[in-house]
Amino acid sequence: MTFIAQIFPVVMGYDGRPREHCSHLIWIRWFNLSYLIIVLVIALALAPLSHFVPSKAQRKVARLREYAALNGLYVEFRDVPRAGRSVPARQAGNTIYYGKRVRGSRGGPEKRLAWLHSGDGWAALSRHDALPPELAALPDGVLAASADLDSCGIYWNENGEEAQIDQICQTLEGLTKRLYQ
């Protein structure tokens, strides 16, 4: 049996010889098969490019960060402040610091202040630090807040919407006025 007879048994006669009236079908099948191969090769070449398309969650995080930047905040990766305490599992992942820069301020805190949020509410990292009332207005997703010479900000895992960033901006504005003036 010939190679063509093995690939296209319908076109071949029972005795292995090609049918004269069906010989054009061979070319039609080869023609369609070549298009199929071309489409498969193009699909294989373009498949790795799909990894560069951001997912829905990545687009949401980018939208939140852009919204924060437009409202005067800056965003960076930072570890949650702690003083000998173990960090709960919900804080162990990537926490993001949304901060408000305070430049040229003479009346800011002399040391770094930090407050942690737990299921019981807010608590100062140091026993001697006062707890600002503005922290109660922060959304539930906020893990901690801090203030130092250069900035005042919060730590969270970005599980929220633009309305929560508005709350964060208002709270940081009030906290900045209280601590830096």
Protein backbone atom coordinates (compact mmCIF):
# COMPACT_ATOMS: atom_id res chain seq x y z
CA MET A 1 0.00 0.00 0.00
CA THR A 2 1.36 3.42 -0.86
CA PHE A 3 1.84 6.36 1.51
CA ILE A 4 -1.15 8.22 0.05
CA ALA A 5 -3.33 5.16 0.43
CA GLN A 6 -2.46 5.01 4.12
CA ILE A 7 -3.30 8.66 4.70
CA PHE A 8 -6.36 8.88 2.45
CA PRO A 9 -7.98 5.44 2.32
CA VAL A 10 -11.31 6.89 1.15
CA VAL A 11 -9.78 8.24 -2.04
CA MET A 12 -8.08 4.97 -2.89
CA GLY A 13 -9.88 2.01 -4.36
CA TYR A 14 -10.18 -1.31 -2.58
CA ASP A 15 -7.35 -2.73 -4.62
CA GLY A 16 -4.97 0.09 -3.64
CA ARG A 17 -5.18 1.97 -6.90
CA PRO A 18 -6.43 5.59 -6.93
CA ARG A 19 -9.87 6.25 -8.29
CA GLU A 20 -9.62 8.39 -11.37
CA HIS A 21 -12.67 10.50 -10.66
CA CYS A 22 -11.61 11.22 -7.02
CA SER A 23 -8.01 12.28 -7.59
CA HIS A 24 -8.90 15.94 -7.11
CA LEU A 25 -9.99 15.15 -3.51
CA ILE A 26 -6.39 14.42 -2.59
CA TRP A 27 -5.37 17.97 -3.45
CA ILE A 28 -8.35 19.44 -1.61
CA ARG A 29 -7.42 17.51 1.55
CA TRP A 30 -3.75 18.51 1.28
CA PHE A 31 -4.82 22.12 0.73
CA ASN A 32 -7.08 22.12 3.85
CA LEU A 33 -4.44 20.31 5.88
CA SER A 34 -1.82 22.92 5.00
CA TYR A 35 -4.13 25.70 6.22
CA LEU A 36 -4.70 23.80 9.45
CA ILE A 37 -0.96 23.43 9.98
CA ILE A 38 -0.40 27.15 9.32
CA VAL A 39 -3.09 28.10 11.86
CA LEU A 40 -1.58 25.75 14.47
CA VAL A 41 1.92 27.16 13.96
CA ILE A 42 0.65 30.73 14.32
CA ALA A 43 -1.30 29.79 17.47
CA LEU A 44 1.80 28.19 18.99
CA ALA A 45 3.84 31.28 18.18
CA LEU A 46 1.28 33.66 19.76
CA ALA A 47 0.47 31.56 22.86
CA PRO A 48 3.41 32.82 24.99
CA LEU A 49 2.30 36.40 24.37
CA SER A 50 -0.87 35.74 26.37
CA HIS A 51 1.26 35.69 29.54
CA PHE A 52 1.95 39.40 29.09
CA VAL A 53 -1.72 40.33 29.25
CA PRO A 54 -2.51 41.43 32.83
CA SER A 55 -5.10 39.45 34.75
CA LYS A 56 -8.24 41.00 36.19
CA ALA A 57 -6.67 41.17 39.67
CA GLN A 58 -3.51 42.83 38.32
CA ARG A 59 -5.58 45.44 36.47
CA LYS A 60 -7.50 46.16 39.69
CA VAL A 61 -4.29 46.66 41.70
CA ALA A 62 -2.86 48.93 38.99
CA ARG A 63 -6.09 50.95 38.99
CA LEU A 64 -5.96 51.32 42.80
CA ARG A 65 -2.32 52.41 42.76
CA GLU A 66 -2.94 54.93 39.99
CA TYR A 67 -5.93 56.32 41.88
CA ALA A 68 -3.81 56.63 45.02
CA ALA A 69 -1.06 58.43 43.11
CA LEU A 70 -3.57 60.87 41.64
CA ASN A 71 -4.75 61.61 45.18
CA GLY A 72 -1.26 62.46 46.42
CA LEU A 73 -0.16 59.15 47.91
CA TYR A 74 2.85 57.06 47.01
CA VAL A 75 2.96 53.28 47.04
CA GLU A 76 5.81 50.95 47.99
CA PHE A 77 6.47 47.51 49.44
CA ARG A 78 7.27 47.61 53.14
CA ASP A 79 7.23 45.17 56.03
CA VAL A 80 4.57 45.71 58.65
CA PRO A 81 6.13 47.37 61.71
CA ARG A 82 6.42 45.11 64.73
CA ALA A 83 8.25 45.00 68.03
CA GLY A 84 8.93 41.41 68.97
CA ARG A 85 5.40 40.34 68.07
CA SER A 86 4.70 37.64 65.56
CA VAL A 87 2.93 38.86 62.46
CA PRO A 88 -0.48 37.19 61.91
CA ALA A 89 -0.90 35.02 58.82
CA ARG A 90 -3.05 37.63 57.06
CA GLN A 91 -0.17 40.11 57.34
CA ALA A 92 2.57 37.70 56.27
CA GLY A 93 1.96 38.18 52.53
CA ASN A 94 2.81 41.18 50.42
CA THR A 95 1.82 44.29 52.30
CA ILE A 96 1.82 47.59 50.53
CA TYR A 97 2.54 50.95 52.13
CA TYR A 98 0.36 53.83 50.96
CA GLY A 99 2.05 56.94 52.26
CA LYS A 100 1.73 60.69 52.23
CA ARG A 101 5.01 62.56 52.01
CA VAL A 102 5.59 65.29 54.55
CA ARG A 103 8.45 67.50 53.38
CA GLY A 104 10.09 70.27 55.32
CA SER A 105 8.04 69.68 58.42
CA ARG A 106 9.66 70.77 61.65
CA GLY A 107 6.94 69.60 63.99
CA GLY A 108 6.83 65.90 63.05
CA PRO A 109 7.47 63.01 65.39
CA GLU A 110 11.07 62.62 66.54
CA LYS A 111 10.89 58.84 66.33
CA ARG A 112 8.92 56.44 64.23
CA LEU A 113 5.40 55.91 65.49
CA ALA A 114 3.45 52.79 64.60
CA TRP A 115 0.01 51.40 65.34
CA LEU A 116 -1.21 47.89 64.62
CA HIS A 117 -4.75 46.83 63.81
CA SER A 118 -6.05 43.53 65.14
CA GLY A 119 -9.48 42.02 65.66
CA ASP A 120 -9.76 43.99 68.92
CA GLY A 121 -9.02 47.34 67.29
CA TRP A 122 -6.00 49.60 67.13
CA ALA A 123 -3.02 49.41 69.49
CA ALA A 124 0.16 51.47 69.65
CA LEU A 125 3.36 49.56 68.96
CA SER A 126 5.05 51.31 71.85
CA ARG A 127 3.26 51.67 75.19
CA HIS A 128 4.24 55.34 75.41
CA ASP A 129 2.69 56.38 72.09
CA ALA A 130 -0.79 57.85 72.06
CA LEU A 131 -3.46 56.35 69.83
CA PRO A 132 -4.77 58.96 67.33
CA PRO A 133 -8.56 58.97 66.97
CA GLU A 134 -8.25 59.25 63.16
CA LEU A 135 -7.26 55.57 62.94
CA ALA A 136 -10.82 54.50 63.73
CA ALA A 137 -11.95 55.87 60.34
CA LEU A 138 -9.64 53.56 58.36
CA PRO A 139 -11.19 50.66 56.39
CA ASP A 140 -11.06 47.11 57.77
CA GLY A 141 -8.39 45.93 55.32
CA VAL A 142 -5.74 48.21 56.83
CA LEU A 143 -3.16 46.21 58.81
CA ALA A 144 -1.09 48.99 60.40
CA ALA A 145 -0.28 52.69 60.29
CA SER A 146 2.98 54.54 60.88
CA ALA A 147 4.48 57.99 60.92
CA ASP A 148 8.12 59.07 60.73
CA LEU A 149 10.05 62.20 59.78
CA ASP A 150 9.31 61.91 56.05
CA SER A 151 5.91 60.31 55.71
CA CYS A 152 2.70 59.16 57.26
CA GLY A 153 0.96 56.09 55.87
CA ILE A 154 -0.84 52.81 56.19
CA TYR A 155 -0.06 49.17 55.41
CA TRP A 156 -2.65 47.03 53.67
CA ASN A 157 -3.08 44.20 51.19
CA GLU A 158 -5.04 46.21 48.58
CA ASN A 159 -8.31 44.34 49.00
CA GLY A 160 -10.59 47.26 48.39
CA GLU A 161 -11.95 49.84 46.01
CA GLU A 162 -11.40 53.52 45.25
CA ALA A 163 -13.81 54.52 48.04
CA GLN A 164 -11.45 52.97 50.57
CA ILE A 165 -8.54 54.95 49.13
CA ASP A 166 -10.62 58.09 49.61
CA GLN A 167 -11.08 57.10 53.28
CA ILE A 168 -7.34 56.47 53.59
CA CYS A 169 -6.51 59.87 52.04
CA GLN A 170 -8.87 61.69 54.41
CA THR A 171 -7.52 59.82 57.43
CA LEU A 172 -3.89 60.45 56.47
CA GLU A 173 -4.66 64.14 55.91
CA GLY A 174 -6.11 64.39 59.43
CA LEU A 175 -3.26 62.36 60.91
CA THR A 176 -0.71 64.55 59.13
CA LYS A 177 -2.31 67.72 60.50
CA ARG A 178 -2.31 66.26 64.02
CA LEU A 179 1.28 64.94 64.00
CA TYR A 180 3.18 67.42 61.83
CA GLN A 181 1.77 70.82 62.85
